[in-house]
Amino acid sequence: MAIPTVATSDLGRVHISAMLLLGAADVPLAIAALVMPWDRWSRRWLLCWPLWVMLSLAAAGRFAFADGAASLGGFFTLVFVYIGMTQSRWVSSAVLPIALPCWIATYGTLNRDLWLRLPVAVGIWVLIGETLATTQRQMRELTRGRAHDASTDQLTGLDNRRELGPKLAGLADGDALLLLDVDHFKTVNDRFGHAGGDKVLSDLGATIRTVIRPGDSAVRFGGEEMLLVLPGAHNGGALKVVRRLHDRWAQLQPGITFSAGIAVVSTNIPPQDALAAADASLYQAKRAGRDCWRFAADTGELALT
């Protein structure tokens, strides 16, 4: 009896050593999970952990236990829970060619009992993975929709003032602010009613979205006032945008005009003063007769046409 006892003891030490080795191999991955910039990487990188776990379980079943490690088989369900929570649809099905041989290796050999359990296990994995992936996608879409609604003015389709702070805080030299206001808007409301006034603002918002450049943004500043933030536009770029807007607006709503004030961030107009400078220029344009624009640094009227 002494020889089998020693052999079993030696085998147990081999099993323990193998498990310790596999556990130690997980430490670098755990450290990487803490320091890696996952938020800037594709979610596909998050598959590293479940793939590594499945391979580790397979190695444990083959080398650390004489008859497989049936007690570790439940971890595969947790792996598919993780995949469903972090990946898009169909990824759980795509990893089955890796999961199945790893699962069989974890149990040791593919016997009759394992053949009977295999379709049930696969069904549970895919059901869990796809259900969670679908739920996560719906939650992300709902979150994006609510975030969009919270940051967007429903009438004009432009950003609302909630988005203005970060845009103004990021102004730099050469960035332009273009503040415009519909001329005699009260008269528009009196003539066409509030529904007609809303239609004018809705059309103006749509027109603004078609003329701004990629990287530009527009905010409904308040009432009939709209603020365009034009990064790196300088005087020339701002002039092109306001002229393009004027031409398209005149075609869409002839007889309804707007005035505009433009301020370009420079040594004379620091970022914190740009909005006030654009607002002052807007009032200069209105006092000059409306349907015109003024630069903050200008002293004379410059007609839109």
Protein backbone atom coordinates (compact mmCIF):
# COMPACT_ATOMS: atom_id res chain seq x y z
CA MET A 1 0.00 0.00 0.00
CA ALA A 2 2.97 2.33 0.45
CA ILE A 3 3.75 2.65 -3.25
CA PRO A 4 0.21 3.70 -4.36
CA THR A 5 0.04 6.14 -1.47
CA VAL A 6 3.26 7.80 -2.48
CA ALA A 7 2.19 7.85 -6.13
CA THR A 8 -1.16 9.45 -5.21
CA SER A 9 0.61 11.99 -3.03
CA ASP A 10 3.01 12.83 -5.84
CA LEU A 11 0.12 13.15 -8.25
CA GLY A 12 -1.68 15.45 -5.84
CA ARG A 13 1.39 17.65 -5.60
CA VAL A 14 1.50 17.76 -9.40
CA HIS A 15 -2.15 18.81 -9.48
CA ILE A 16 -1.60 21.53 -6.89
CA SER A 17 1.48 22.81 -8.72
CA ALA A 18 -0.40 22.92 -12.01
CA MET A 19 -3.31 24.81 -10.45
CA LEU A 20 -0.93 27.27 -8.81
CA LEU A 21 0.81 27.78 -12.15
CA LEU A 22 -2.50 28.42 -13.91
CA GLY A 23 -3.57 30.80 -11.15
CA ALA A 24 -0.29 32.68 -11.38
CA ALA A 25 -0.74 32.99 -15.14
CA ASP A 26 -4.00 34.86 -14.51
CA VAL A 27 -2.27 37.52 -12.40
CA PRO A 28 -0.74 39.45 -15.35
CA LEU A 29 -4.13 39.46 -17.08
CA ALA A 30 -5.81 40.78 -13.95
CA ILE A 31 -3.21 43.55 -13.67
CA ALA A 32 -3.64 44.39 -17.35
CA ALA A 33 -7.40 44.64 -16.84
CA LEU A 34 -6.80 47.35 -14.26
CA VAL A 35 -4.35 49.47 -16.25
CA MET A 36 -5.42 49.03 -19.88
CA PRO A 37 -7.32 51.98 -21.45
CA TRP A 38 -10.40 49.88 -22.25
CA ASP A 39 -12.54 52.99 -22.77
CA ARG A 40 -10.41 53.96 -25.79
CA TRP A 41 -10.13 50.47 -27.25
CA SER A 42 -12.57 48.33 -29.17
CA ARG A 43 -14.82 46.12 -27.04
CA ARG A 44 -13.35 43.15 -28.89
CA TRP A 45 -10.29 43.48 -26.64
CA LEU A 46 -12.52 42.55 -23.70
CA LEU A 47 -12.70 39.05 -25.19
CA CYS A 48 -9.14 38.45 -23.97
CA TRP A 49 -10.37 37.56 -20.50
CA PRO A 50 -13.07 34.98 -21.39
CA LEU A 51 -10.81 33.34 -23.99
CA TRP A 52 -7.99 33.11 -21.48
CA VAL A 53 -10.33 31.68 -18.83
CA MET A 54 -11.63 28.99 -21.18
CA LEU A 55 -8.10 28.01 -22.18
CA SER A 56 -7.05 27.94 -18.52
CA LEU A 57 -9.99 25.71 -17.62
CA ALA A 58 -9.13 23.38 -20.47
CA ALA A 59 -5.51 23.20 -19.34
CA ALA A 60 -6.63 22.48 -15.78
CA GLY A 61 -8.88 19.65 -16.92
CA ARG A 62 -6.18 18.09 -19.05
CA PHE A 63 -3.08 18.50 -16.92
CA ALA A 64 -4.04 19.30 -13.33
CA PHE A 65 -6.61 16.55 -12.77
CA ALA A 66 -6.41 12.91 -13.70
CA ASP A 67 -10.08 12.58 -14.69
CA GLY A 68 -10.90 16.13 -15.70
CA ALA A 69 -12.13 19.03 -13.60
CA ALA A 70 -15.91 18.63 -13.74
CA SER A 71 -16.31 21.02 -10.81
CA LEU A 72 -14.90 23.85 -12.98
CA GLY A 73 -17.37 23.37 -15.84
CA GLY A 74 -19.81 25.90 -14.38
CA PHE A 75 -17.33 28.69 -15.07
CA PHE A 76 -18.18 28.45 -18.77
CA THR A 77 -21.65 29.79 -18.02
CA LEU A 78 -20.07 32.77 -16.24
CA VAL A 79 -17.83 33.29 -19.25
CA PHE A 80 -20.86 33.62 -21.52
CA VAL A 81 -22.54 35.95 -19.04
CA TYR A 82 -19.47 38.19 -19.35
CA ILE A 83 -19.46 37.92 -23.15
CA GLY A 84 -23.12 38.84 -23.33
CA MET A 85 -22.62 41.88 -21.10
CA THR A 86 -19.60 43.25 -22.96
CA GLN A 87 -19.99 42.20 -26.59
CA SER A 88 -22.47 42.72 -29.42
CA ARG A 89 -24.91 40.13 -30.70
CA TRP A 90 -23.65 36.88 -32.27
CA VAL A 91 -20.27 37.07 -30.54
CA SER A 92 -21.33 34.36 -28.08
CA SER A 93 -22.12 32.11 -31.06
CA ALA A 94 -18.84 33.02 -32.75
CA VAL A 95 -16.74 31.81 -29.79
CA LEU A 96 -18.43 28.38 -29.66
CA PRO A 97 -15.69 26.75 -31.80
CA ILE A 98 -13.25 27.68 -29.02
CA ALA A 99 -15.59 27.11 -26.09
CA LEU A 100 -16.64 23.57 -27.04
CA PRO A 101 -13.19 21.90 -27.18
CA CYS A 102 -12.17 23.81 -24.04
CA TRP A 103 -15.30 22.59 -22.24
CA ILE A 104 -14.66 18.99 -23.31
CA ALA A 105 -11.02 19.24 -22.23
CA THR A 106 -12.12 20.60 -18.85
CA TYR A 107 -14.20 17.46 -18.28
CA GLY A 108 -11.36 15.23 -19.46
CA THR A 109 -12.81 13.15 -22.30
CA LEU A 110 -15.90 13.22 -24.50
CA ASN A 111 -17.94 10.34 -23.07
CA ARG A 112 -21.60 9.42 -23.51
CA ASP A 113 -22.70 11.52 -20.54
CA LEU A 114 -20.91 14.55 -21.96
CA TRP A 115 -22.50 14.02 -25.36
CA LEU A 116 -25.93 14.21 -23.76
CA ARG A 117 -25.06 17.38 -21.81
CA LEU A 118 -23.38 19.15 -24.72
CA PRO A 119 -26.50 20.47 -26.56
CA VAL A 120 -28.01 21.65 -23.28
CA ALA A 121 -24.80 23.47 -22.34
CA VAL A 122 -24.51 25.10 -25.77
CA GLY A 123 -28.15 26.17 -25.68
CA ILE A 124 -27.73 27.75 -22.25
CA TRP A 125 -24.53 29.57 -23.27
CA VAL A 126 -26.01 31.03 -26.45
CA LEU A 127 -29.30 31.90 -24.76
CA ILE A 128 -27.53 33.73 -21.96
CA GLY A 129 -25.01 35.46 -24.25
CA GLU A 130 -27.51 36.61 -26.87
CA THR A 131 -30.16 37.67 -24.36
CA LEU A 132 -27.70 39.79 -22.42
CA ALA A 133 -26.16 41.24 -25.61
CA THR A 134 -29.60 42.22 -26.91
CA THR A 135 -30.55 43.75 -23.57
CA GLN A 136 -27.28 45.69 -23.41
CA ARG A 137 -27.79 46.99 -26.96
CA GLN A 138 -31.31 48.17 -26.15
CA MET A 139 -30.07 49.89 -23.00
CA ARG A 140 -27.29 51.65 -24.93
CA GLU A 141 -29.75 52.82 -27.58
CA LEU A 142 -32.13 54.06 -24.90
CA THR A 143 -29.29 55.85 -23.12
CA ARG A 144 -28.08 57.46 -26.35
CA GLY A 145 -31.63 58.52 -27.19
CA ARG A 146 -32.14 60.11 -23.79
CA ALA A 147 -28.73 61.81 -23.94
CA HIS A 148 -29.59 63.18 -27.37
CA ASP A 149 -32.98 64.43 -26.18
CA ALA A 150 -31.39 66.03 -23.12
CA SER A 151 -28.81 67.91 -25.20
CA THR A 152 -30.94 68.80 -28.24
CA ASP A 153 -33.51 71.54 -28.70
CA GLN A 154 -36.58 69.73 -29.99
CA LEU A 155 -37.87 72.61 -32.12
CA THR A 156 -34.72 73.52 -34.05
CA GLY A 157 -32.74 70.29 -33.82
CA LEU A 158 -29.73 72.30 -32.61
CA ASP A 159 -27.92 71.77 -29.33
CA ASN A 160 -29.52 73.40 -26.33
CA ARG A 161 -27.79 75.68 -23.86
CA ARG A 162 -26.83 72.74 -21.69
CA GLU A 163 -24.12 72.01 -24.28
CA LEU A 164 -22.89 75.60 -24.43
CA GLY A 165 -20.55 75.61 -21.43
CA PRO A 166 -18.07 73.00 -22.72
CA LYS A 167 -18.06 74.62 -26.18
CA LEU A 168 -17.20 78.06 -24.80
CA ALA A 169 -14.64 76.62 -22.40
CA GLY A 170 -12.78 75.06 -25.33
CA LEU A 171 -12.45 78.22 -27.43
CA ALA A 172 -9.00 79.03 -28.79
CA ASP A 173 -7.41 81.67 -31.00
CA GLY A 174 -9.03 81.76 -34.42
CA ASP A 175 -12.32 80.24 -33.27
CA ALA A 176 -15.38 82.29 -34.19
CA LEU A 177 -18.74 82.80 -32.51
CA LEU A 178 -21.63 83.80 -34.74
CA LEU A 179 -24.72 84.96 -32.86
CA LEU A 180 -27.80 85.56 -34.99
CA ASP A 181 -31.32 86.72 -34.24
CA VAL A 182 -34.46 86.63 -36.41
CA ASP A 183 -35.49 90.19 -37.23
CA HIS A 184 -38.92 91.34 -35.97
CA PHE A 185 -39.80 87.88 -34.72
CA LYS A 186 -42.71 89.21 -32.69
CA THR A 187 -44.24 90.45 -35.94
CA VAL A 188 -43.83 86.97 -37.40
CA ASN A 189 -45.71 85.49 -34.43
CA ASP A 190 -48.41 88.15 -34.64
CA ARG A 191 -48.88 87.56 -38.35
CA PHE A 192 -48.65 83.78 -38.59
CA GLY A 193 -49.38 82.74 -35.01
CA HIS A 194 -47.10 80.77 -32.72
CA ALA A 195 -47.30 77.72 -34.97
CA GLY A 196 -45.99 79.84 -37.83
CA GLY A 197 -43.23 81.22 -35.62
CA ASP A 198 -42.25 77.71 -34.60
CA LYS A 199 -42.10 76.73 -38.27
CA VAL A 200 -39.71 79.63 -38.95
CA LEU A 201 -37.41 78.56 -36.10
CA SER A 202 -37.57 74.92 -37.18
CA ASP A 203 -36.65 75.87 -40.75
CA LEU A 204 -33.84 78.10 -39.51
CA GLY A 205 -32.39 75.29 -37.41
CA ALA A 206 -32.52 72.91 -40.38
CA THR A 207 -30.87 75.50 -42.62
CA ILE A 208 -28.09 76.13 -40.11
CA ARG A 209 -27.35 72.42 -39.94
CA THR A 210 -26.87 72.32 -43.72
CA VAL A 211 -24.41 75.23 -43.90
CA ILE A 212 -22.08 74.67 -40.97
CA ARG A 213 -18.83 72.84 -41.61
CA PRO A 214 -17.80 69.48 -40.19
CA GLY A 215 -16.61 70.20 -36.67
CA ASP A 216 -18.82 73.28 -36.28
CA SER A 217 -21.73 73.27 -33.87
CA ALA A 218 -24.88 75.31 -33.35
CA VAL A 219 -26.85 76.07 -30.20
CA ARG A 220 -30.28 77.54 -29.70
CA PHE A 221 -29.14 80.35 -27.46
CA GLY A 222 -32.61 81.48 -26.48
CA GLY A 223 -35.90 82.31 -28.17
CA GLU A 224 -35.09 83.24 -31.76
CA GLU A 225 -31.32 83.59 -31.12
CA MET A 226 -28.93 80.94 -32.45
CA LEU A 227 -25.23 80.68 -31.68
CA LEU A 228 -22.79 79.05 -34.09
CA VAL A 229 -19.40 77.90 -32.81
CA LEU A 230 -16.91 77.77 -35.67
CA PRO A 231 -13.53 76.33 -34.60
CA GLY A 232 -10.57 77.75 -36.53
CA ALA A 233 -12.83 79.75 -38.85
CA HIS A 234 -11.13 83.15 -38.40
CA ASN A 235 -12.78 86.08 -40.17
CA GLY A 236 -12.85 84.49 -43.61
CA GLY A 237 -14.46 81.21 -42.55
CA ALA A 238 -17.10 82.98 -40.47
CA LEU A 239 -17.88 85.26 -43.41
CA LYS A 240 -18.39 82.29 -45.74
CA VAL A 241 -20.72 80.58 -43.26
CA VAL A 242 -22.91 83.63 -42.66
CA ARG A 243 -23.16 84.41 -46.37
CA ARG A 244 -24.03 80.82 -47.21
CA LEU A 245 -26.66 80.82 -44.48
CA HIS A 246 -28.10 84.13 -45.67
CA ASP A 247 -28.42 82.94 -49.27
CA ARG A 248 -30.13 79.66 -48.41
CA TRP A 249 -32.41 81.29 -45.85
CA ALA A 250 -33.50 83.94 -48.33
CA GLN A 251 -34.59 81.18 -50.70
CA LEU A 252 -36.46 79.26 -48.02
CA GLN A 253 -38.12 82.14 -46.14
CA PRO A 254 -38.13 85.26 -48.34
CA GLY A 255 -39.16 88.33 -46.42
CA ILE A 256 -37.92 87.01 -43.05
CA THR A 257 -34.40 88.17 -42.28
CA PHE A 258 -31.86 87.82 -39.50
CA SER A 259 -29.05 89.92 -38.09
CA ALA A 260 -25.73 88.54 -36.88
CA GLY A 261 -22.79 89.46 -34.72
CA ILE A 262 -19.43 87.74 -35.10
CA ALA A 263 -16.53 87.60 -32.67
CA VAL A 264 -13.25 85.86 -33.43
CA VAL A 265 -11.06 84.85 -30.50
CA SER A 266 -7.77 86.74 -30.64
CA THR A 267 -5.40 88.72 -28.46
CA ASN A 268 -7.98 91.51 -28.42
CA ILE A 269 -10.96 89.22 -27.72
CA PRO A 270 -10.08 86.49 -25.18
CA PRO A 271 -12.25 83.36 -25.04
CA GLN A 272 -14.13 84.48 -21.93
CA ASP A 273 -15.17 87.72 -23.67
CA ALA A 274 -16.04 86.26 -27.09
CA LEU A 275 -19.73 85.66 -26.38
CA ALA A 276 -20.24 89.15 -24.98
CA ALA A 277 -18.42 90.59 -28.00
CA ALA A 278 -20.63 88.65 -30.42
CA ASP A 279 -23.73 89.79 -28.55
CA ALA A 280 -22.63 93.44 -28.68
CA SER A 281 -21.94 93.10 -32.40
CA LEU A 282 -25.39 91.64 -32.94
CA TYR A 283 -26.99 94.69 -31.37
CA GLN A 284 -24.81 96.91 -33.54
CA ALA A 285 -26.19 95.09 -36.60
CA LYS A 286 -29.74 95.60 -35.40
CA ARG A 287 -29.19 99.28 -34.77
CA ALA A 288 -27.67 99.54 -38.24
CA GLY A 289 -30.98 98.51 -39.81
CA ARG A 290 -31.06 94.69 -39.44
CA ASP A 291 -30.51 92.11 -42.18
CA CYS A 292 -26.77 92.67 -41.82
CA TRP A 293 -23.84 91.45 -39.81
CA ARG A 294 -21.03 93.05 -37.83
CA PHE A 295 -17.66 91.80 -36.67
CA ALA A 296 -16.74 92.59 -33.09
CA ALA A 297 -13.65 94.45 -34.30
CA ASP A 298 -15.52 96.33 -37.07
CA THR A 299 -16.75 99.87 -36.76
CA GLY A 300 -18.83 100.05 -39.92
CA GLU A 301 -21.87 98.18 -41.17
CA LEU A 302 -21.33 95.31 -43.59
CA ALA A 303 -24.50 94.18 -45.34
CA LEU A 304 -25.25 90.49 -45.68
CA THR A 305 -25.84 90.94 -49.35
